[in-house]
Protein backbone atom coordinates (compact mmCIF):
# COMPACT_ATOMS: atom_id res chain seq x y z
CA UNK A 1 0.00 0.00 0.00
CA UNK A 2 1.46 3.31 -1.09
CA UNK A 3 1.03 6.30 1.20
CA UNK A 4 1.18 9.69 -0.44
CA UNK A 5 2.36 12.74 1.41
CA UNK A 6 -0.51 15.07 2.22
CA UNK A 7 0.30 18.72 1.81
CA UNK A 8 -1.93 21.30 3.46
CA UNK A 9 -2.51 23.67 0.57
CA UNK A 10 -5.22 26.06 -0.45
CA UNK A 11 -6.89 24.83 -3.62
CA UNK A 12 -8.30 28.29 -4.26
CA UNK A 13 -4.89 29.96 -4.04
CA UNK A 14 -3.28 27.29 -6.20
CA UNK A 15 -6.02 27.69 -8.78
CA UNK A 16 -5.61 31.47 -8.79
CA UNK A 17 -1.88 30.99 -9.42
CA UNK A 18 -2.66 28.62 -12.30
CA UNK A 19 -5.15 31.08 -13.78
CA UNK A 20 -2.31 33.57 -14.38
CA UNK A 21 -1.01 31.36 -17.18
CA UNK A 22 2.38 29.79 -17.76
CA UNK A 23 4.22 32.94 -18.93
CA UNK A 24 3.21 35.01 -15.93
CA UNK A 25 3.94 32.13 -13.53
CA UNK A 26 7.45 31.77 -14.99
CA UNK A 27 8.06 35.53 -14.79
CA UNK A 28 6.95 35.64 -11.18
CA UNK A 29 9.14 32.64 -10.29
CA UNK A 30 12.15 34.41 -11.83
CA UNK A 31 11.31 37.60 -9.94
CA UNK A 32 11.02 35.91 -6.52
CA UNK A 33 14.04 33.64 -7.08
CA UNK A 34 16.20 36.70 -7.77
CA UNK A 35 15.67 37.97 -4.22
CA UNK A 36 18.60 37.00 -2.02
CA UNK A 37 16.69 37.11 1.27
CA UNK A 38 13.45 35.17 1.25
CA UNK A 39 10.99 35.52 4.10
CA UNK A 40 8.47 32.78 4.84
CA UNK A 41 5.73 34.35 2.70
CA UNK A 42 8.04 34.48 -0.33
CA UNK A 43 9.03 30.85 0.17
CA UNK A 44 5.36 29.87 0.33
CA UNK A 45 4.61 31.93 -2.79
CA UNK A 46 7.42 30.20 -4.67
CA UNK A 47 6.14 26.82 -3.48
CA UNK A 48 2.69 27.68 -4.84
CA UNK A 49 4.14 28.93 -8.15
CA UNK A 50 6.23 25.77 -8.56
CA UNK A 51 3.09 23.67 -8.03
CA UNK A 52 1.17 25.79 -10.55
CA UNK A 53 3.98 25.47 -13.11
CA UNK A 54 4.07 21.71 -12.67
CA UNK A 55 0.29 21.36 -13.06
CA UNK A 56 0.16 23.66 -16.08
CA UNK A 57 2.92 21.66 -17.74
CA UNK A 58 1.75 18.13 -16.88
CA UNK A 59 -2.06 18.56 -16.85
CA UNK A 60 -3.06 21.56 -18.96
CA UNK A 61 -6.62 20.37 -19.66
CA UNK A 62 -7.36 19.54 -16.02
CA UNK A 63 -5.83 22.86 -14.92
CA UNK A 64 -8.07 24.79 -17.31
CA UNK A 65 -11.09 22.84 -16.09
CA UNK A 66 -10.25 23.64 -12.45
CA UNK A 67 -9.79 27.34 -13.23
CA UNK A 68 -13.11 27.39 -15.12
CA UNK A 69 -14.88 25.71 -12.19
CA UNK A 70 -13.48 28.26 -9.75
CA UNK A 71 -14.59 31.13 -11.97
CA UNK A 72 -18.06 29.64 -12.20
CA UNK A 73 -18.29 29.23 -8.42
CA UNK A 74 -17.15 32.82 -7.84
CA UNK A 75 -19.78 34.18 -10.22
CA UNK A 76 -22.63 32.73 -8.14
PDB file of N, CA and C in Angstrom:
ATOM      1  N   UNK A   1       0.847  -1.176   0.000  1.00  0.00           N
ATOM      2  CA  UNK A   1       0.000   0.000   0.000  1.00  0.00           C
ATOM      3  C   UNK A   1       0.894   1.240   0.000  1.00  0.00           C
ATOM      4  N   UNK A   2       0.658   2.103  -0.959  1.00  0.00           N
ATOM      5  CA  UNK A   2       1.465   3.315  -1.095  1.00  0.00           C
ATOM      6  C   UNK A   2       0.783   4.464  -0.360  1.00  0.00           C
ATOM      7  N   UNK A   3       1.560   5.155   0.467  1.00  0.00           N
ATOM      8  CA  UNK A   3       1.032   6.301   1.198  1.00  0.00           C
ATOM      9  C   UNK A   3       1.613   7.559   0.581  1.00  0.00           C
ATOM     10  N   UNK A   4       0.723   8.439   0.157  1.00  0.00           N
ATOM     11  CA  UNK A   4       1.176   9.689  -0.444  1.00  0.00           C
ATOM     12  C   UNK A   4       1.237  10.762   0.624  1.00  0.00           C
ATOM     13  N   UNK A   5       2.206  11.649   0.471  1.00  0.00           N
ATOM     14  CA  UNK A   5       2.359  12.745   1.414  1.00  0.00           C
ATOM     15  C   UNK A   5       1.229  13.750   1.205  1.00  0.00           C
ATOM     16  N   UNK A   6       0.575  14.103   2.277  1.00  0.00           N
ATOM     17  CA  UNK A   6      -0.513  15.067   2.215  1.00  0.00           C
ATOM     18  C   UNK A   6       0.059  16.447   2.528  1.00  0.00           C
ATOM     19  N   UNK A   7      -0.201  17.370   1.635  1.00  0.00           N
ATOM     20  CA  UNK A   7       0.296  18.724   1.814  1.00  0.00           C
ATOM     21  C   UNK A   7      -0.899  19.628   2.059  1.00  0.00           C
ATOM     22  N   UNK A   8      -0.859  20.366   3.153  1.00  0.00           N
ATOM     23  CA  UNK A   8      -1.935  21.295   3.457  1.00  0.00           C
ATOM     24  C   UNK A   8      -1.810  22.529   2.578  1.00  0.00           C
ATOM     25  N   UNK A   9      -2.597  22.571   1.514  1.00  0.00           N
ATOM     26  CA  UNK A   9      -2.510  23.672   0.566  1.00  0.00           C
ATOM     27  C   UNK A   9      -3.906  24.213   0.321  1.00  0.00           C
ATOM     28  N   UNK A  10      -3.956  25.439  -0.096  1.00  0.00           N
ATOM     29  CA  UNK A  10      -5.215  26.064  -0.446  1.00  0.00           C
ATOM     30  C   UNK A  10      -5.482  25.832  -1.932  1.00  0.00           C
ATOM     31  N   UNK A  11      -6.538  25.109  -2.225  1.00  0.00           N
ATOM     32  CA  UNK A  11      -6.892  24.833  -3.619  1.00  0.00           C
ATOM     33  C   UNK A  11      -7.235  26.135  -4.337  1.00  0.00           C
ATOM     34  N   UNK A  12      -7.915  27.020  -3.642  1.00  0.00           N
ATOM     35  CA  UNK A  12      -8.304  28.291  -4.256  1.00  0.00           C
ATOM     36  C   UNK A  12      -7.069  29.094  -4.636  1.00  0.00           C
ATOM     37  N   UNK A  13      -6.109  29.200  -3.739  1.00  0.00           N
ATOM     38  CA  UNK A  13      -4.895  29.960  -4.041  1.00  0.00           C
ATOM     39  C   UNK A  13      -4.079  29.308  -5.149  1.00  0.00           C
ATOM     40  N   UNK A  14      -3.999  27.995  -5.129  1.00  0.00           N
ATOM     41  CA  UNK A  14      -3.280  27.295  -6.199  1.00  0.00           C
ATOM     42  C   UNK A  14      -3.957  27.534  -7.547  1.00  0.00           C
ATOM     43  N   UNK A  15      -5.276  27.489  -7.547  1.00  0.00           N
ATOM     44  CA  UNK A  15      -6.020  27.694  -8.782  1.00  0.00           C
ATOM     45  C   UNK A  15      -5.840  29.122  -9.290  1.00  0.00           C
ATOM     46  N   UNK A  16      -5.837  30.081  -8.383  1.00  0.00           N
ATOM     47  CA  UNK A  16      -5.612  31.466  -8.789  1.00  0.00           C
ATOM     48  C   UNK A  16      -4.222  31.631  -9.403  1.00  0.00           C
ATOM     49  N   UNK A  17      -3.237  30.937  -8.843  1.00  0.00           N
ATOM     50  CA  UNK A  17      -1.883  30.990  -9.420  1.00  0.00           C
ATOM     51  C   UNK A  17      -1.887  30.373 -10.819  1.00  0.00           C
ATOM     52  N   UNK A  18      -2.603  29.259 -10.988  1.00  0.00           N
ATOM     53  CA  UNK A  18      -2.664  28.615 -12.296  1.00  0.00           C
ATOM     54  C   UNK A  18      -3.397  29.484 -13.314  1.00  0.00           C
ATOM     55  N   UNK A  19      -4.368  30.263 -12.857  1.00  0.00           N
ATOM     56  CA  UNK A  19      -5.153  31.080 -13.777  1.00  0.00           C
ATOM     57  C   UNK A  19      -4.340  32.213 -14.395  1.00  0.00           C
ATOM     58  N   UNK A  20      -3.175  32.513 -13.821  1.00  0.00           N
ATOM     59  CA  UNK A  20      -2.315  33.566 -14.383  1.00  0.00           C
ATOM     60  C   UNK A  20      -1.728  33.145 -15.721  1.00  0.00           C
ATOM     61  N   UNK A  21      -1.611  31.846 -15.942  1.00  0.00           N
ATOM     62  CA  UNK A  21      -1.014  31.357 -17.182  1.00  0.00           C
ATOM     63  C   UNK A  21       0.468  31.082 -16.999  1.00  0.00           C
ATOM     64  N   UNK A  22       1.004  30.256 -17.891  1.00  0.00           N
ATOM     65  CA  UNK A  22       2.384  29.789 -17.763  1.00  0.00           C
ATOM     66  C   UNK A  22       3.396  30.932 -17.843  1.00  0.00           C
ATOM     67  N   UNK A  23       3.237  31.858 -18.779  1.00  0.00           N
ATOM     68  CA  UNK A  23       4.217  32.941 -18.930  1.00  0.00           C
ATOM     69  C   UNK A  23       4.327  33.791 -17.672  1.00  0.00           C
ATOM     70  N   UNK A  24       3.186  34.152 -17.121  1.00  0.00           N
ATOM     71  CA  UNK A  24       3.213  35.007 -15.927  1.00  0.00           C
ATOM     72  C   UNK A  24       3.748  34.239 -14.719  1.00  0.00           C
ATOM     73  N   UNK A  25       3.411  32.959 -14.617  1.00  0.00           N
ATOM     74  CA  UNK A  25       3.936  32.133 -13.526  1.00  0.00           C
ATOM     75  C   UNK A  25       5.463  32.077 -13.607  1.00  0.00           C
ATOM     76  N   UNK A  26       5.990  31.837 -14.814  1.00  0.00           N
ATOM     77  CA  UNK A  26       7.448  31.770 -14.985  1.00  0.00           C
ATOM     78  C   UNK A  26       8.116  33.109 -14.671  1.00  0.00           C
ATOM     79  N   UNK A  27       7.502  34.212 -15.092  1.00  0.00           N
ATOM     80  CA  UNK A  27       8.058  35.533 -14.792  1.00  0.00           C
ATOM     81  C   UNK A  27       8.073  35.806 -13.293  1.00  0.00           C
ATOM     82  N   UNK A  28       7.008  35.419 -12.621  1.00  0.00           N
ATOM     83  CA  UNK A  28       6.946  35.643 -11.182  1.00  0.00           C
ATOM     84  C   UNK A  28       7.946  34.757 -10.441  1.00  0.00           C
ATOM     85  N   UNK A  29       8.130  33.517 -10.906  1.00  0.00           N
ATOM     86  CA  UNK A  29       9.137  32.637 -10.292  1.00  0.00           C
ATOM     87  C   UNK A  29      10.516  33.274 -10.432  1.00  0.00           C
ATOM     88  N   UNK A  30      10.847  33.758 -11.626  1.00  0.00           N
ATOM     89  CA  UNK A  30      12.148  34.413 -11.830  1.00  0.00           C
ATOM     90  C   UNK A  30      12.315  35.622 -10.931  1.00  0.00           C
ATOM     91  N   UNK A  31      11.252  36.409 -10.780  1.00  0.00           N
ATOM     92  CA  UNK A  31      11.315  37.598  -9.938  1.00  0.00           C
ATOM     93  C   UNK A  31      11.616  37.227  -8.489  1.00  0.00           C
ATOM     94  N   UNK A  32      10.846  36.270  -7.932  1.00  0.00           N
ATOM     95  CA  UNK A  32      11.021  35.915  -6.525  1.00  0.00           C
ATOM     96  C   UNK A  32      12.320  35.143  -6.281  1.00  0.00           C
ATOM     97  N   UNK A  33      12.773  34.353  -7.249  1.00  0.00           N
ATOM     98  CA  UNK A  33      14.038  33.640  -7.079  1.00  0.00           C
ATOM     99  C   UNK A  33      15.229  34.591  -7.084  1.00  0.00           C
ATOM    100  N   UNK A  34      15.090  35.749  -7.703  1.00  0.00           N
ATOM    101  CA  UNK A  34      16.201  36.698  -7.772  1.00  0.00           C
ATOM    102  C   UNK A  34      16.457  37.397  -6.439  1.00  0.00           C
ATOM    103  N   UNK A  35      15.505  37.337  -5.532  1.00  0.00           N
ATOM    104  CA  UNK A  35      15.666  37.967  -4.219  1.00  0.00           C
ATOM    105  C   UNK A  35      16.603  37.118  -3.370  1.00  0.00           C
ATOM    106  N   UNK A  36      17.621  37.758  -2.800  1.00  0.00           N
ATOM    107  CA  UNK A  36      18.602  37.003  -2.016  1.00  0.00           C
ATOM    108  C   UNK A  36      18.052  36.581  -0.657  1.00  0.00           C
ATOM    109  N   UNK A  37      17.240  37.430  -0.045  1.00  0.00           N
ATOM    110  CA  UNK A  37      16.687  37.113   1.265  1.00  0.00           C
ATOM    111  C   UNK A  37      15.202  36.805   1.095  1.00  0.00           C
ATOM    112  N   UNK A  38      14.834  35.598   1.446  1.00  0.00           N
ATOM    113  CA  UNK A  38      13.455  35.165   1.252  1.00  0.00           C
ATOM    114  C   UNK A  38      12.785  34.932   2.607  1.00  0.00           C
ATOM    115  N   UNK A  39      11.763  35.718   2.883  1.00  0.00           N
ATOM    116  CA  UNK A  39      10.985  35.520   4.096  1.00  0.00           C
ATOM    117  C   UNK A  39      10.018  34.359   3.864  1.00  0.00           C
ATOM    118  N   UNK A  40       9.349  33.942   4.920  1.00  0.00           N
ATOM    119  CA  UNK A  40       8.467  32.776   4.842  1.00  0.00           C
ATOM    120  C   UNK A  40       7.381  32.947   3.774  1.00  0.00           C
ATOM    121  N   UNK A  41       6.810  34.138   3.679  1.00  0.00           N
ATOM    122  CA  UNK A  41       5.729  34.350   2.704  1.00  0.00           C
ATOM    123  C   UNK A  41       6.228  34.195   1.269  1.00  0.00           C
ATOM    124  N   UNK A  42       7.463  34.623   1.010  1.00  0.00           N
ATOM    125  CA  UNK A  42       8.037  34.484  -0.333  1.00  0.00           C
ATOM    126  C   UNK A  42       8.316  33.011  -0.631  1.00  0.00           C
ATOM    127  N   UNK A  43       8.791  32.282   0.348  1.00  0.00           N
ATOM    128  CA  UNK A  43       9.034  30.850   0.165  1.00  0.00           C
ATOM    129  C   UNK A  43       7.727  30.121  -0.136  1.00  0.00           C
ATOM    130  N   UNK A  44       6.663  30.495   0.580  1.00  0.00           N
ATOM    131  CA  UNK A  44       5.361  29.874   0.330  1.00  0.00           C
ATOM    132  C   UNK A  44       4.829  30.251  -1.046  1.00  0.00           C
ATOM    133  N   UNK A  45       5.044  31.502  -1.460  1.00  0.00           N
ATOM    134  CA  UNK A  45       4.610  31.935  -2.788  1.00  0.00           C
ATOM    135  C   UNK A  45       5.336  31.146  -3.872  1.00  0.00           C
ATOM    136  N   UNK A  46       6.648  30.984  -3.699  1.00  0.00           N
ATOM    137  CA  UNK A  46       7.424  30.198  -4.667  1.00  0.00           C
ATOM    138  C   UNK A  46       6.943  28.753  -4.707  1.00  0.00           C
ATOM    139  N   UNK A  47       6.646  28.190  -3.550  1.00  0.00           N
ATOM    140  CA  UNK A  47       6.139  26.820  -3.483  1.00  0.00           C
ATOM    141  C   UNK A  47       4.842  26.701  -4.283  1.00  0.00           C
ATOM    142  N   UNK A  48       3.958  27.676  -4.129  1.00  0.00           N
ATOM    143  CA  UNK A  48       2.690  27.684  -4.843  1.00  0.00           C
ATOM    144  C   UNK A  48       2.913  27.839  -6.348  1.00  0.00           C
ATOM    145  N   UNK A  49       3.843  28.712  -6.734  1.00  0.00           N
ATOM    146  CA  UNK A  49       4.136  28.930  -8.154  1.00  0.00           C
ATOM    147  C   UNK A  49       4.767  27.693  -8.789  1.00  0.00           C
ATOM    148  N   UNK A  50       5.641  27.003  -8.046  1.00  0.00           N
ATOM    149  CA  UNK A  50       6.231  25.769  -8.565  1.00  0.00           C
ATOM    150  C   UNK A  50       5.143  24.723  -8.808  1.00  0.00           C
ATOM    151  N   UNK A  51       4.191  24.621  -7.877  1.00  0.00           N
ATOM    152  CA  UNK A  51       3.092  23.666  -8.031  1.00  0.00           C
ATOM    153  C   UNK A  51       2.232  24.036  -9.237  1.00  0.00           C
ATOM    154  N   UNK A  52       1.967  25.331  -9.406  1.00  0.00           N
ATOM    155  CA  UNK A  52       1.168  25.789 -10.553  1.00  0.00           C
ATOM    156  C   UNK A  52       1.891  25.489 -11.861  1.00  0.00           C
ATOM    157  N   UNK A  53       3.198  25.742 -11.900  1.00  0.00           N
ATOM    158  CA  UNK A  53       3.984  25.468 -13.110  1.00  0.00           C
ATOM    159  C   UNK A  53       3.932  23.991 -13.460  1.00  0.00           C
ATOM    160  N   UNK A  54       4.093  23.158 -12.458  1.00  0.00           N
ATOM    161  CA  UNK A  54       4.065  21.707 -12.671  1.00  0.00           C
ATOM    162  C   UNK A  54       2.708  21.264 -13.212  1.00  0.00           C
ATOM    163  N   UNK A  55       1.627  21.742 -12.613  1.00  0.00           N
ATOM    164  CA  UNK A  55       0.295  21.355 -13.062  1.00  0.00           C
ATOM    165  C   UNK A  55      -0.014  21.882 -14.459  1.00  0.00           C
ATOM    166  N   UNK A  56       0.399  23.104 -14.745  1.00  0.00           N
ATOM    167  CA  UNK A  56       0.158  23.660 -16.077  1.00  0.00           C
ATOM    168  C   UNK A  56       0.926  22.901 -17.148  1.00  0.00           C
ATOM    169  N   UNK A  57       2.094  22.396 -16.779  1.00  0.00           N
ATOM    170  CA  UNK A  57       2.917  21.660 -17.738  1.00  0.00           C
ATOM    171  C   UNK A  57       2.416  20.226 -17.921  1.00  0.00           C
ATOM    172  N   UNK A  58       2.103  19.547 -16.821  1.00  0.00           N
ATOM    173  CA  UNK A  58       1.745  18.131 -16.882  1.00  0.00           C
ATOM    174  C   UNK A  58       0.264  17.884 -17.173  1.00  0.00           C
ATOM    175  N   UNK A  59      -0.609  18.780 -16.713  1.00  0.00           N
ATOM    176  CA  UNK A  59      -2.056  18.565 -16.851  1.00  0.00           C
ATOM    177  C   UNK A  59      -2.760  19.834 -17.324  1.00  0.00           C
ATOM    178  N   UNK A  60      -2.471  20.284 -18.534  1.00  0.00           N
ATOM    179  CA  UNK A  60      -3.059  21.565 -18.964  1.00  0.00           C
ATOM    180  C   UNK A  60      -4.587  21.538 -19.070  1.00  0.00           C
ATOM    181  N   UNK A  61      -5.166  20.436 -19.522  1.00  0.00           N
ATOM    182  CA  UNK A  61      -6.625  20.365 -19.659  1.00  0.00           C
ATOM    183  C   UNK A  61      -7.309  20.373 -18.292  1.00  0.00           C
ATOM    184  N   UNK A  62      -6.774  19.594 -17.352  1.00  0.00           N
ATOM    185  CA  UNK A  62      -7.356  19.540 -16.020  1.00  0.00           C
ATOM    186  C   UNK A  62      -7.187  20.878 -15.302  1.00  0.00           C
ATOM    187  N   UNK A  63      -6.060  21.549 -15.532  1.00  0.00           N
ATOM    188  CA  UNK A  63      -5.827  22.857 -14.924  1.00  0.00           C
ATOM    189  C   UNK A  63      -6.840  23.872 -15.434  1.00  0.00           C
ATOM    190  N   UNK A  64      -7.083  23.863 -16.727  1.00  0.00           N
ATOM    191  CA  UNK A  64      -8.065  24.790 -17.308  1.00  0.00           C
ATOM    192  C   UNK A  64      -9.450  24.500 -16.757  1.00  0.00           C
ATOM    193  N   UNK A  65      -9.792  23.227 -16.632  1.00  0.00           N
ATOM    194  CA  UNK A  65     -11.086  22.842 -16.092  1.00  0.00           C
ATOM    195  C   UNK A  65     -11.244  23.336 -14.650  1.00  0.00           C
ATOM    196  N   UNK A  66     -10.208  23.188 -13.846  1.00  0.00           N
ATOM    197  CA  UNK A  66     -10.249  23.637 -12.452  1.00  0.00           C
ATOM    198  C   UNK A  66     -10.406  25.153 -12.367  1.00  0.00           C
ATOM    199  N   UNK A  67      -9.689  25.877 -13.199  1.00  0.00           N
ATOM    200  CA  UNK A  67      -9.795  27.340 -13.228  1.00  0.00           C
ATOM    201  C   UNK A  67     -11.203  27.751 -13.653  1.00  0.00           C
ATOM    202  N   UNK A  68     -11.749  27.089 -14.664  1.00  0.00           N
ATOM    203  CA  UNK A  68     -13.109  27.389 -15.121  1.00  0.00           C
ATOM    204  C   UNK A  68     -14.143  27.116 -14.025  1.00  0.00           C
ATOM    205  N   UNK A  69     -13.968  26.028 -13.295  1.00  0.00           N
ATOM    206  CA  UNK A  69     -14.882  25.707 -12.192  1.00  0.00           C
ATOM    207  C   UNK A  69     -14.821  26.769 -11.110  1.00  0.00           C
ATOM    208  N   UNK A  70     -13.636  27.230 -10.781  1.00  0.00           N
ATOM    209  CA  UNK A  70     -13.481  28.256  -9.753  1.00  0.00           C
ATOM    210  C   UNK A  70     -14.138  29.559 -10.187  1.00  0.00           C
ATOM    211  N   UNK A  71     -13.951  29.930 -11.461  1.00  0.00           N
ATOM    212  CA  UNK A  71     -14.591  31.131 -11.972  1.00  0.00           C
ATOM    213  C   UNK A  71     -16.102  31.027 -11.902  1.00  0.00           C
ATOM    214  N   UNK A  72     -16.622  29.858 -12.231  1.00  0.00           N
ATOM    215  CA  UNK A  72     -18.064  29.637 -12.198  1.00  0.00           C
ATOM    216  C   UNK A  72     -18.600  29.738 -10.763  1.00  0.00           C
ATOM    217  N   UNK A  73     -17.884  29.180  -9.828  1.00  0.00           N
ATOM    218  CA  UNK A  73     -18.291  29.235  -8.417  1.00  0.00           C
ATOM    219  C   UNK A  73     -18.278  30.684  -7.921  1.00  0.00           C
ATOM    220  N   UNK A  74     -17.269  31.444  -8.300  1.00  0.00           N
ATOM    221  CA  UNK A  74     -17.146  32.821  -7.838  1.00  0.00           C
ATOM    222  C   UNK A  74     -18.185  33.740  -8.451  1.00  0.00           C
ATOM    223  N   UNK A  75     -18.764  33.361  -9.583  1.00  0.00           N
ATOM    224  CA  UNK A  75     -19.785  34.184 -10.215  1.00  0.00           C
ATOM    225  C   UNK A  75     -21.136  34.038  -9.529  1.00  0.00           C
ATOM    226  N   UNK A  76     -21.336  32.967  -8.787  1.00  0.00           N
ATOM    227  CA  UNK A  76     -22.629  32.733  -8.135  1.00  0.00           C
ATOM    228  C   UNK A  76     -22.845  33.635  -6.963  1.00  0.00           C
TER     229      UNK A  76
END
